[in-house]
Amino acid sequence: MEEQEMTQKTESAEKDNRLDINTDENAAGTSHLNEPVEDENATEKLETALQEQKDKYLRLMAEFDNFRRRTAKERLELIQTAGKDVILSLLDVLDDCDRAEKQLLANEDLVAQKEGIMLVFNKLRSTLQAKGVKPMESIHQDFDVEKHEAITEIPAPAEELKGKVIDEVMKGYYMNDKIIRFAKVVVGK
C-alpha cells in the first residue's frame, strides 16, 4: 500500500508538473506558446510588398517609355521645322529677286538694274547677318587648316604672301561664331 501511495503521489506530481509547464508562461521552454502565429502574415506582407514594388517598377518603365517617345517625336518635329524661321526671312529676299527679274526683262536702264540688284544682295546679306551668319575674312590671312580648305598653291607674287591666302574661290561663313562652311582658298608658296 505504501508502494501504491507513492506511485500515486509520483504520478500526481508528474501530472502537476506537466500542467505547470503548459500553464506557467514564465517557465523555461514555453515562450513559443505565447507568440502569435506570424509566419503566414509575414509571407503575405512580403508578397504584398513585392507586388507593390513590381507595380511601381512597371509604372516607372511605362512612364519612361512614354517620355522617350514624346521627346523623340518633339526632336523630329524640331528638326523638320528648324529652318522654318530662316526660310521665312529669306522668302522676302526671294520676292525681291522676282521683282528684280521682272525689271531686268522690262527695263533696259543698266544703272537702275544694277542699283536694284545691289539692293537685293544687301537685303540678303543683312537678313543672313540678322540670323547670326557672317562671312569669314580670308584674303591676305595666314593659311589655317582649321578655317581654310586649300584648292591649290601658286607661287607667291611677293615674299610676304608666302603661306598666306592669295585668293578666295568660295567664301567661308560663321554662324554664331561657329564655322558652318570652310573657305576654299588659293595659297601662296
C-alpha atoms as a PDB file:
ATOM      1  CA  MET A   1       0.000   0.000   0.000  1.00  0.00           C
ATOM      2  CA  GLU A   2       2.723   2.279   0.745  1.00  0.00           C
ATOM      3  CA  GLU A   3       4.080   1.490  -2.599  1.00  0.00           C
ATOM      4  CA  GLN A   4       0.793   2.272  -4.215  1.00  0.00           C
ATOM      5  CA  GLU A   5       0.509   5.567  -2.393  1.00  0.00           C
ATOM      6  CA  MET A   6       3.957   6.524  -3.508  1.00  0.00           C
ATOM      7  CA  THR A   7       3.224   5.684  -7.079  1.00  0.00           C
ATOM      8  CA  GLN A   8       0.054   7.737  -6.924  1.00  0.00           C
ATOM      9  CA  LYS A   9       1.906  10.672  -5.391  1.00  0.00           C
ATOM     10  CA  THR A  10       4.632  10.437  -8.039  1.00  0.00           C
ATOM     11  CA  GLU A  11       2.069  10.286 -10.823  1.00  0.00           C
ATOM     12  CA  SER A  12       0.131  13.206  -9.398  1.00  0.00           C
ATOM     13  CA  ALA A  13       3.368  15.236  -9.020  1.00  0.00           C
ATOM     14  CA  GLU A  14       4.318  14.493 -12.622  1.00  0.00           C
ATOM     15  CA  LYS A  15       0.830  15.428 -13.689  1.00  0.00           C
ATOM     16  CA  ASP A  16       1.051  18.675 -11.745  1.00  0.00           C
ATOM     17  CA  ASN A  17       4.457  19.457 -13.289  1.00  0.00           C
ATOM     18  CA  ARG A  18       3.106  18.872 -16.776  1.00  0.00           C
ATOM     19  CA  LEU A  19       0.212  21.142 -16.102  1.00  0.00           C
ATOM     20  CA  ASP A  20       2.521  23.721 -14.609  1.00  0.00           C
ATOM     21  CA  ILE A  21       4.740  23.729 -17.702  1.00  0.00           C
ATOM     22  CA  ASN A  22       1.873  24.345 -20.066  1.00  0.00           C
ATOM     23  CA  THR A  23       0.108  26.851 -17.878  1.00  0.00           C
ATOM     24  CA  ASP A  24       3.070  28.748 -16.481  1.00  0.00           C
ATOM     25  CA  GLU A  25       4.056  31.353 -19.048  1.00  0.00           C
ATOM     26  CA  ASN A  26       7.243  32.212 -17.182  1.00  0.00           C
ATOM     27  CA  ALA A  27       8.542  28.630 -17.209  1.00  0.00           C
ATOM     28  CA  ALA A  28      11.546  27.992 -19.445  1.00  0.00           C
ATOM     29  CA  GLY A  29      10.815  26.464 -22.828  1.00  0.00           C
ATOM     30  CA  THR A  30       7.255  27.707 -23.053  1.00  0.00           C
ATOM     31  CA  SER A  31       7.794  31.122 -24.565  1.00  0.00           C
ATOM     32  CA  HIS A  32       6.868  29.853 -28.027  1.00  0.00           C
ATOM     33  CA  LEU A  33       3.395  29.152 -26.759  1.00  0.00           C
ATOM     34  CA  ASN A  34       2.786  32.849 -26.076  1.00  0.00           C
ATOM     35  CA  GLU A  35       3.825  34.162 -29.529  1.00  0.00           C
ATOM     36  CA  PRO A  36       1.087  34.619 -32.110  1.00  0.00           C
ATOM     37  CA  VAL A  37       1.457  32.752 -35.369  1.00  0.00           C
ATOM     38  CA  GLU A  38       3.060  35.301 -37.736  1.00  0.00           C
ATOM     39  CA  ASP A  39       4.737  33.116 -40.332  1.00  0.00           C
ATOM     40  CA  GLU A  40       1.766  33.296 -42.664  1.00  0.00           C
ATOM     41  CA  ASN A  41       1.279  37.042 -42.089  1.00  0.00           C
ATOM     42  CA  ALA A  42       4.980  37.799 -42.739  1.00  0.00           C
ATOM     43  CA  THR A  43       4.859  35.871 -46.016  1.00  0.00           C
ATOM     44  CA  GLU A  44       1.702  37.656 -47.074  1.00  0.00           C
ATOM     45  CA  LYS A  45       3.253  41.024 -46.167  1.00  0.00           C
ATOM     46  CA  LEU A  46       6.364  40.236 -48.190  1.00  0.00           C
ATOM     47  CA  GLU A  47       4.292  39.125 -51.175  1.00  0.00           C
ATOM     48  CA  THR A  48       2.209  42.310 -50.939  1.00  0.00           C
ATOM     49  CA  ALA A  49       5.343  44.461 -50.749  1.00  0.00           C
ATOM     50  CA  LEU A  50       6.818  42.591 -53.720  1.00  0.00           C
ATOM     51  CA  GLN A  51       3.665  43.153 -55.766  1.00  0.00           C
ATOM     52  CA  GLU A  52       3.716  46.869 -54.870  1.00  0.00           C
ATOM     53  CA  GLN A  53       7.357  47.160 -55.958  1.00  0.00           C
ATOM     54  CA  LYS A  54       6.627  45.311 -59.205  1.00  0.00           C
ATOM     55  CA  ASP A  55       3.711  47.663 -59.861  1.00  0.00           C
ATOM     56  CA  LYS A  56       5.861  50.729 -59.162  1.00  0.00           C
ATOM     57  CA  TYR A  57       8.576  49.356 -61.451  1.00  0.00           C
ATOM     58  CA  LEU A  58       6.136  48.683 -64.285  1.00  0.00           C
ATOM     59  CA  ARG A  59       4.604  52.143 -63.953  1.00  0.00           C
ATOM     60  CA  LEU A  60       8.038  53.762 -63.913  1.00  0.00           C
ATOM     61  CA  MET A  61       9.099  51.839 -67.006  1.00  0.00           C
ATOM     62  CA  ALA A  62       5.884  52.812 -68.796  1.00  0.00           C
ATOM     63  CA  GLU A  63       6.370  56.445 -67.820  1.00  0.00           C
ATOM     64  CA  PHE A  64       9.977  56.387 -69.063  1.00  0.00           C
ATOM     65  CA  ASP A  65       8.912  54.779 -72.334  1.00  0.00           C
ATOM     66  CA  ASN A  66       6.260  57.469 -72.831  1.00  0.00           C
ATOM     67  CA  PHE A  67       8.859  60.160 -72.067  1.00  0.00           C
ATOM     68  CA  ARG A  68      11.289  58.647 -74.575  1.00  0.00           C
ATOM     69  CA  ARG A  69       8.636  58.507 -77.310  1.00  0.00           C
ATOM     70  CA  ARG A  70       7.461  62.053 -76.595  1.00  0.00           C
ATOM     71  CA  THR A  71      10.984  63.512 -76.717  1.00  0.00           C
ATOM     72  CA  ALA A  72      11.784  61.588 -79.911  1.00  0.00           C
ATOM     73  CA  LYS A  73       8.637  62.989 -81.507  1.00  0.00           C
ATOM     74  CA  GLU A  74       9.448  66.530 -80.338  1.00  0.00           C
ATOM     75  CA  ARG A  75      13.022  66.205 -81.627  1.00  0.00           C
ATOM     76  CA  LEU A  76      11.766  65.041 -85.027  1.00  0.00           C
ATOM     77  CA  GLU A  77       9.334  67.960 -85.223  1.00  0.00           C
ATOM     78  CA  LEU A  78      12.097  70.369 -84.229  1.00  0.00           C
ATOM     79  CA  ILE A  79      14.435  69.027 -86.904  1.00  0.00           C
ATOM     80  CA  GLN A  80      11.725  69.252 -89.553  1.00  0.00           C
ATOM     81  CA  THR A  81      10.873  72.847 -88.697  1.00  0.00           C
ATOM     82  CA  ALA A  82      14.316  74.054 -87.544  1.00  0.00           C
ATOM     83  CA  GLY A  83      14.985  76.079 -90.684  1.00  0.00           C
ATOM     84  CA  LYS A  84      11.463  77.474 -90.898  1.00  0.00           C
ATOM     85  CA  ASP A  85      12.422  80.818 -89.352  1.00  0.00           C
ATOM     86  CA  VAL A  86      15.372  81.294 -91.700  1.00  0.00           C
ATOM     87  CA  ILE A  87      13.383  80.233 -94.752  1.00  0.00           C
ATOM     88  CA  LEU A  88      10.553  82.624 -93.874  1.00  0.00           C
ATOM     89  CA  SER A  89      13.006  85.519 -93.631  1.00  0.00           C
ATOM     90  CA  LEU A  90      14.605  84.535 -96.951  1.00  0.00           C
ATOM     91  CA  LEU A  91      11.228  84.470 -98.716  1.00  0.00           C
ATOM     92  CA  ASP A  92      11.214  88.285 -98.586  1.00  0.00           C
ATOM     93  CA  VAL A  93      14.552  88.283-100.415  1.00  0.00           C
ATOM     94  CA  LEU A  94      13.171  85.812-102.952  1.00  0.00           C
ATOM     95  CA  ASP A  95      10.223  88.149-103.573  1.00  0.00           C
ATOM     96  CA  ASP A  96      12.710  90.967-104.199  1.00  0.00           C
ATOM     97  CA  CYS A  97      14.613  88.720-106.632  1.00  0.00           C
ATOM     98  CA  ASP A  98      11.391  88.034-108.536  1.00  0.00           C
ATOM     99  CA  ARG A  99      10.663  91.765-108.778  1.00  0.00           C
ATOM    100  CA  ALA A 100      14.246  92.433-109.919  1.00  0.00           C
ATOM    101  CA  GLU A 101      13.916  89.768-112.620  1.00  0.00           C
ATOM    102  CA  LYS A 102      10.742  91.429-113.944  1.00  0.00           C
ATOM    103  CA  GLN A 103      12.521  94.790-114.020  1.00  0.00           C
ATOM    104  CA  LEU A 104      15.513  93.277-115.851  1.00  0.00           C
ATOM    105  CA  LEU A 105      13.203  91.980-118.554  1.00  0.00           C
ATOM    106  CA  ALA A 106      11.113  95.148-118.827  1.00  0.00           C
ATOM    107  CA  ASN A 107      13.707  97.900-118.342  1.00  0.00           C
ATOM    108  CA  GLU A 108      16.931  98.444-120.243  1.00  0.00           C
ATOM    109  CA  ASP A 109      18.416 101.121-117.976  1.00  0.00           C
ATOM    110  CA  LEU A 110      21.579  99.385-116.731  1.00  0.00           C
ATOM    111  CA  VAL A 111      22.228 101.824-113.887  1.00  0.00           C
ATOM    112  CA  ALA A 112      18.751 101.271-112.428  1.00  0.00           C
ATOM    113  CA  GLN A 113      19.053  97.491-112.863  1.00  0.00           C
ATOM    114  CA  LYS A 114      22.427  97.454-111.177  1.00  0.00           C
ATOM    115  CA  GLU A 115      21.127  99.525-108.294  1.00  0.00           C
ATOM    116  CA  GLY A 116      18.097  97.221-107.840  1.00  0.00           C
ATOM    117  CA  ILE A 117      20.233  94.091-107.860  1.00  0.00           C
ATOM    118  CA  MET A 118      22.607  95.594-105.290  1.00  0.00           C
ATOM    119  CA  LEU A 119      19.611  96.366-103.054  1.00  0.00           C
ATOM    120  CA  VAL A 120      18.540  92.709-103.249  1.00  0.00           C
ATOM    121  CA  PHE A 121      22.076  91.495-102.444  1.00  0.00           C
ATOM    122  CA  ASN A 122      22.356  93.863 -99.489  1.00  0.00           C
ATOM    123  CA  LYS A 123      18.978  92.718 -98.182  1.00  0.00           C
ATOM    124  CA  LEU A 124      20.082  89.099 -98.450  1.00  0.00           C
ATOM    125  CA  ARG A 125      23.332  89.818 -96.579  1.00  0.00           C
ATOM    126  CA  SER A 126      21.555  91.769 -93.826  1.00  0.00           C
ATOM    127  CA  THR A 127      18.923  89.029 -93.418  1.00  0.00           C
ATOM    128  CA  LEU A 128      21.602  86.376 -93.032  1.00  0.00           C
ATOM    129  CA  GLN A 129      23.561  88.586 -90.648  1.00  0.00           C
ATOM    130  CA  ALA A 130      20.428  89.032 -88.520  1.00  0.00           C
ATOM    131  CA  LYS A 131      20.288  85.213 -88.251  1.00  0.00           C
ATOM    132  CA  GLY A 132      23.880  85.075 -86.982  1.00  0.00           C
ATOM    133  CA  VAL A 133      25.648  84.339 -90.271  1.00  0.00           C
ATOM    134  CA  LYS A 134      28.769  86.338 -91.005  1.00  0.00           C
ATOM    135  CA  PRO A 135      31.430  85.945 -93.702  1.00  0.00           C
ATOM    136  CA  MET A 136      34.958  84.817 -92.928  1.00  0.00           C
ATOM    137  CA  GLU A 137      37.784  87.174 -93.834  1.00  0.00           C
ATOM    138  CA  SER A 138      40.479  85.092 -95.537  1.00  0.00           C
ATOM    139  CA  ILE A 139      42.399  87.115 -98.134  1.00  0.00           C
ATOM    140  CA  HIS A 140      45.950  88.019 -97.010  1.00  0.00           C
ATOM    141  CA  GLN A 141      45.440  85.992 -93.799  1.00  0.00           C
ATOM    142  CA  ASP A 142      47.753  83.153 -92.755  1.00  0.00           C
ATOM    143  CA  PHE A 143      46.572  79.807 -94.097  1.00  0.00           C
ATOM    144  CA  ASP A 144      44.797  77.947 -91.266  1.00  0.00           C
ATOM    145  CA  VAL A 145      43.664  74.354 -91.817  1.00  0.00           C
ATOM    146  CA  GLU A 146      41.001  74.867 -89.141  1.00  0.00           C
ATOM    147  CA  LYS A 147      39.263  77.541 -91.265  1.00  0.00           C
ATOM    148  CA  HIS A 148      40.507  77.120 -94.830  1.00  0.00           C
ATOM    149  CA  GLU A 149      40.444  74.412 -97.439  1.00  0.00           C
ATOM    150  CA  ALA A 150      43.309  74.806 -99.913  1.00  0.00           C
ATOM    151  CA  ILE A 151      42.271  74.293-103.520  1.00  0.00           C
ATOM    152  CA  THR A 152      45.710  74.919-104.953  1.00  0.00           C
ATOM    153  CA  GLU A 153      49.072  76.526-104.279  1.00  0.00           C
ATOM    154  CA  ILE A 154      50.645  79.085-106.604  1.00  0.00           C
ATOM    155  CA  PRO A 155      53.940  80.925-106.436  1.00  0.00           C
ATOM    156  CA  ALA A 156      53.527  83.952-104.172  1.00  0.00           C
ATOM    157  CA  PRO A 157      53.677  87.276-106.067  1.00  0.00           C
ATOM    158  CA  ALA A 158      55.505  88.809-103.093  1.00  0.00           C
ATOM    159  CA  GLU A 159      57.699  87.374-100.359  1.00  0.00           C
ATOM    160  CA  GLU A 160      55.312  88.456 -97.564  1.00  0.00           C
ATOM    161  CA  LEU A 161      52.442  86.432 -99.153  1.00  0.00           C
ATOM    162  CA  LYS A 162      54.147  83.054 -98.759  1.00  0.00           C
ATOM    163  CA  GLY A 163      51.952  80.775 -96.615  1.00  0.00           C
ATOM    164  CA  LYS A 164      49.075  83.241 -96.834  1.00  0.00           C
ATOM    165  CA  VAL A 165      45.758  83.160 -98.657  1.00  0.00           C
ATOM    166  CA  ILE A 166      46.120  84.890-102.035  1.00  0.00           C
ATOM    167  CA  ASP A 167      42.652  84.313-103.481  1.00  0.00           C
ATOM    168  CA  GLU A 168      39.305  83.116-102.206  1.00  0.00           C
ATOM    169  CA  VAL A 169      37.417  80.768-104.546  1.00  0.00           C
ATOM    170  CA  MET A 170      34.484  80.223-102.169  1.00  0.00           C
ATOM    171  CA  LYS A 171      33.836  82.347 -99.097  1.00  0.00           C
ATOM    172  CA  GLY A 172      33.679  80.719 -95.674  1.00  0.00           C
ATOM    173  CA  TYR A 173      30.952  81.531 -93.137  1.00  0.00           C
ATOM    174  CA  TYR A 174      30.416  81.527 -89.393  1.00  0.00           C
ATOM    175  CA  MET A 175      27.088  81.061 -87.705  1.00  0.00           C
ATOM    176  CA  ASN A 176      27.084  82.333 -84.128  1.00  0.00           C
ATOM    177  CA  ASP A 177      30.911  82.149 -84.106  1.00  0.00           C
ATOM    178  CA  LYS A 178      30.955  78.524 -85.273  1.00  0.00           C
ATOM    179  CA  ILE A 179      32.260  77.648 -88.726  1.00  0.00           C
ATOM    180  CA  ILE A 180      29.451  76.366 -90.933  1.00  0.00           C
ATOM    181  CA  ARG A 181      31.432  76.408 -94.199  1.00  0.00           C
ATOM    182  CA  PHE A 182      35.181  76.398 -94.723  1.00  0.00           C
ATOM    183  CA  ALA A 183      36.657  78.913 -97.153  1.00  0.00           C
ATOM    184  CA  LYS A 184      38.101  77.381-100.338  1.00  0.00           C
ATOM    185  CA  VAL A 185      41.267  79.314-101.000  1.00  0.00           C
ATOM    186  CA  VAL A 186      44.413  79.594-103.096  1.00  0.00           C
ATOM    187  CA  VAL A 187      47.595  79.654-101.016  1.00  0.00           C
ATOM    188  CA  GLY A 188      50.929  81.263-101.932  1.00  0.00           C
ATOM    189  CA  LYS A 189      54.071  79.133-101.709  1.00  0.00           C
END
